C-alpha atoms as a PDB file:
ATOM      1  CA  UNK A   1    -136.618 101.498 -51.097  1.00  0.00           C
ATOM      2  CA  UNK A   2    -134.926  99.106 -49.054  1.00  0.00           C
ATOM      3  CA  UNK A   3    -134.232  99.512 -45.412  1.00  0.00           C
ATOM      4  CA  UNK A   4    -130.729 100.743 -44.009  1.00  0.00           C
ATOM      5  CA  UNK A   5    -129.302  97.586 -42.394  1.00  0.00           C
ATOM      6  CA  UNK A   6    -127.070  99.413 -40.305  1.00  0.00           C
ATOM      7  CA  UNK A   7    -128.157 100.287 -36.909  1.00  0.00           C
ATOM      8  CA  UNK A   8    -128.992 103.875 -36.163  1.00  0.00           C
ATOM      9  CA  UNK A   9    -129.526 105.807 -33.288  1.00  0.00           C
ATOM     10  CA  UNK A  10    -133.173 105.403 -31.510  1.00  0.00           C
ATOM     11  CA  UNK A  11    -135.236 108.657 -32.095  1.00  0.00           C
ATOM     12  CA  UNK A  12    -135.608 111.091 -29.149  1.00  0.00           C
ATOM     13  CA  UNK A  13    -138.957 111.719 -27.766  1.00  0.00           C
ATOM     14  CA  UNK A  14    -139.422 114.615 -29.907  1.00  0.00           C
ATOM     15  CA  UNK A  15    -139.057 112.474 -33.080  1.00  0.00           C
ATOM     16  CA  UNK A  16    -141.207 109.466 -31.903  1.00  0.00           C
ATOM     17  CA  UNK A  17    -144.037 112.465 -31.061  1.00  0.00           C
ATOM     18  CA  UNK A  18    -143.398 114.184 -34.524  1.00  0.00           C
ATOM     19  CA  UNK A  19    -143.334 110.940 -36.375  1.00  0.00           C
ATOM     20  CA  UNK A  20    -146.781 109.651 -34.732  1.00  0.00           C
ATOM     21  CA  UNK A  21    -148.357 112.884 -35.669  1.00  0.00           C
ATOM     22  CA  UNK A  22    -147.222 111.944 -39.118  1.00  0.00           C
ATOM     23  CA  UNK A  23    -148.342 108.411 -39.066  1.00  0.00           C
ATOM     24  CA  UNK A  24    -151.860 109.481 -37.678  1.00  0.00           C
ATOM     25  CA  UNK A  25    -152.400 112.143 -40.540  1.00  0.00           C
ATOM     26  CA  UNK A  26    -151.956 109.601 -42.978  1.00  0.00           C
ATOM     27  CA  UNK A  27    -153.888 107.079 -41.318  1.00  0.00           C
ATOM     28  CA  UNK A  28    -157.111 108.515 -42.879  1.00  0.00           C
ATOM     29  CA  UNK A  29    -159.458 105.516 -41.522  1.00  0.00           C
ATOM     30  CA  UNK A  30    -158.072 106.062 -37.994  1.00  0.00           C
ATOM     31  CA  UNK A  31    -157.544 102.214 -37.560  1.00  0.00           C
ATOM     32  CA  UNK A  32    -154.099 102.712 -36.448  1.00  0.00           C
ATOM     33  CA  UNK A  33    -152.472 101.199 -39.169  1.00  0.00           C
ATOM     34  CA  UNK A  34    -151.096 102.139 -42.605  1.00  0.00           C
ATOM     35  CA  UNK A  35    -152.828 100.401 -45.518  1.00  0.00           C
ATOM     36  CA  UNK A  36    -150.963 100.304 -49.130  1.00  0.00           C
ATOM     37  CA  UNK A  37    -152.811 103.379 -50.339  1.00  0.00           C
ATOM     38  CA  UNK A  38    -152.314 105.251 -46.829  1.00  0.00           C
ATOM     39  CA  UNK A  39    -148.490 104.545 -47.130  1.00  0.00           C
ATOM     40  CA  UNK A  40    -148.276 105.436 -50.736  1.00  0.00           C
ATOM     41  CA  UNK A  41    -149.630 109.063 -49.867  1.00  0.00           C
ATOM     42  CA  UNK A  42    -147.134 109.404 -47.298  1.00  0.00           C
ATOM     43  CA  UNK A  43    -144.384 108.535 -49.676  1.00  0.00           C
ATOM     44  CA  UNK A  44    -145.763 111.217 -52.369  1.00  0.00           C
ATOM     45  CA  UNK A  45    -145.881 113.798 -50.127  1.00  0.00           C
ATOM     46  CA  UNK A  46    -142.100 113.291 -48.898  1.00  0.00           C
ATOM     47  CA  UNK A  47    -141.499 113.333 -52.770  1.00  0.00           C
ATOM     48  CA  UNK A  48    -139.737 110.155 -52.031  1.00  0.00           C
ATOM     49  CA  UNK A  49    -139.334 109.625 -55.863  1.00  0.00           C
ATOM     50  CA  UNK A  50    -139.843 106.095 -55.676  1.00  0.00           C
ATOM     51  CA  UNK A  51    -141.440 103.899 -58.316  1.00  0.00           C
ATOM     52  CA  UNK A  52    -144.998 102.238 -57.692  1.00  0.00           C
ATOM     53  CA  UNK A  53    -143.048  98.798 -57.702  1.00  0.00           C
ATOM     54  CA  UNK A  54    -140.694 100.346 -55.258  1.00  0.00           C
ATOM     55  CA  UNK A  55    -143.315 101.302 -52.944  1.00  0.00           C
ATOM     56  CA  UNK A  56    -144.937  98.156 -52.976  1.00  0.00           C
ATOM     57  CA  UNK A  57    -141.926  96.139 -52.122  1.00  0.00           C
ATOM     58  CA  UNK A  58    -140.872  98.832 -49.341  1.00  0.00           C
ATOM     59  CA  UNK A  59    -144.591  98.380 -48.009  1.00  0.00           C
ATOM     60  CA  UNK A  60    -144.202  94.757 -47.906  1.00  0.00           C
ATOM     61  CA  UNK A  61    -140.704  94.698 -46.234  1.00  0.00           C
ATOM     62  CA  UNK A  62    -141.920  97.174 -43.222  1.00  0.00           C
ATOM     63  CA  UNK A  63    -144.778  95.185 -42.711  1.00  0.00           C
ATOM     64  CA  UNK A  64    -142.906  92.856 -40.537  1.00  0.00           C
ATOM     65  CA  UNK A  65    -146.016  90.623 -39.421  1.00  0.00           C
ATOM     66  CA  UNK A  66    -147.431  90.748 -42.542  1.00  0.00           C
ATOM     67  CA  UNK A  67    -150.726  91.745 -41.829  1.00  0.00           C
ATOM     68  CA  UNK A  68    -150.986  93.746 -45.028  1.00  0.00           C
ATOM     69  CA  UNK A  69    -150.882  97.167 -42.608  1.00  0.00           C
ATOM     70  CA  UNK A  70    -147.992  98.940 -41.261  1.00  0.00           C
ATOM     71  CA  UNK A  71    -148.364  99.585 -37.471  1.00  0.00           C
ATOM     72  CA  UNK A  72    -147.074 102.495 -35.687  1.00  0.00           C
ATOM     73  CA  UNK A  73    -144.076 100.121 -34.297  1.00  0.00           C
ATOM     74  CA  UNK A  74    -143.424  98.976 -37.733  1.00  0.00           C
ATOM     75  CA  UNK A  75    -143.254 102.574 -39.241  1.00  0.00           C
ATOM     76  CA  UNK A  76    -141.093 103.670 -36.050  1.00  0.00           C
ATOM     77  CA  UNK A  77    -138.721 100.907 -36.909  1.00  0.00           C
ATOM     78  CA  UNK A  78    -138.319 101.475 -40.375  1.00  0.00           C
ATOM     79  CA  UNK A  79    -138.169 105.396 -40.202  1.00  0.00           C
ATOM     80  CA  UNK A  80    -135.106 104.666 -37.730  1.00  0.00           C
ATOM     81  CA  UNK A  81    -133.213 102.420 -40.061  1.00  0.00           C
ATOM     82  CA  UNK A  82    -133.476 105.723 -42.278  1.00  0.00           C
END
């Protein structure tokens, strides 16, 4: 999994709302962050077709502040690059 380096249009408010709902759905412990397992479940539901190694690499790439979790801002940045 790699993040597309080409800048994309910012998501509109409806997209942000939908993405926040998706994010919160997979944030099973309700701490406002996705841990690796939560992110892996998200990718499984999307049927992303990535290996576990690609999931881990992608997770660490998205986790820009290197705190071991993905917050909504990081998630939104990543999704906007898709």
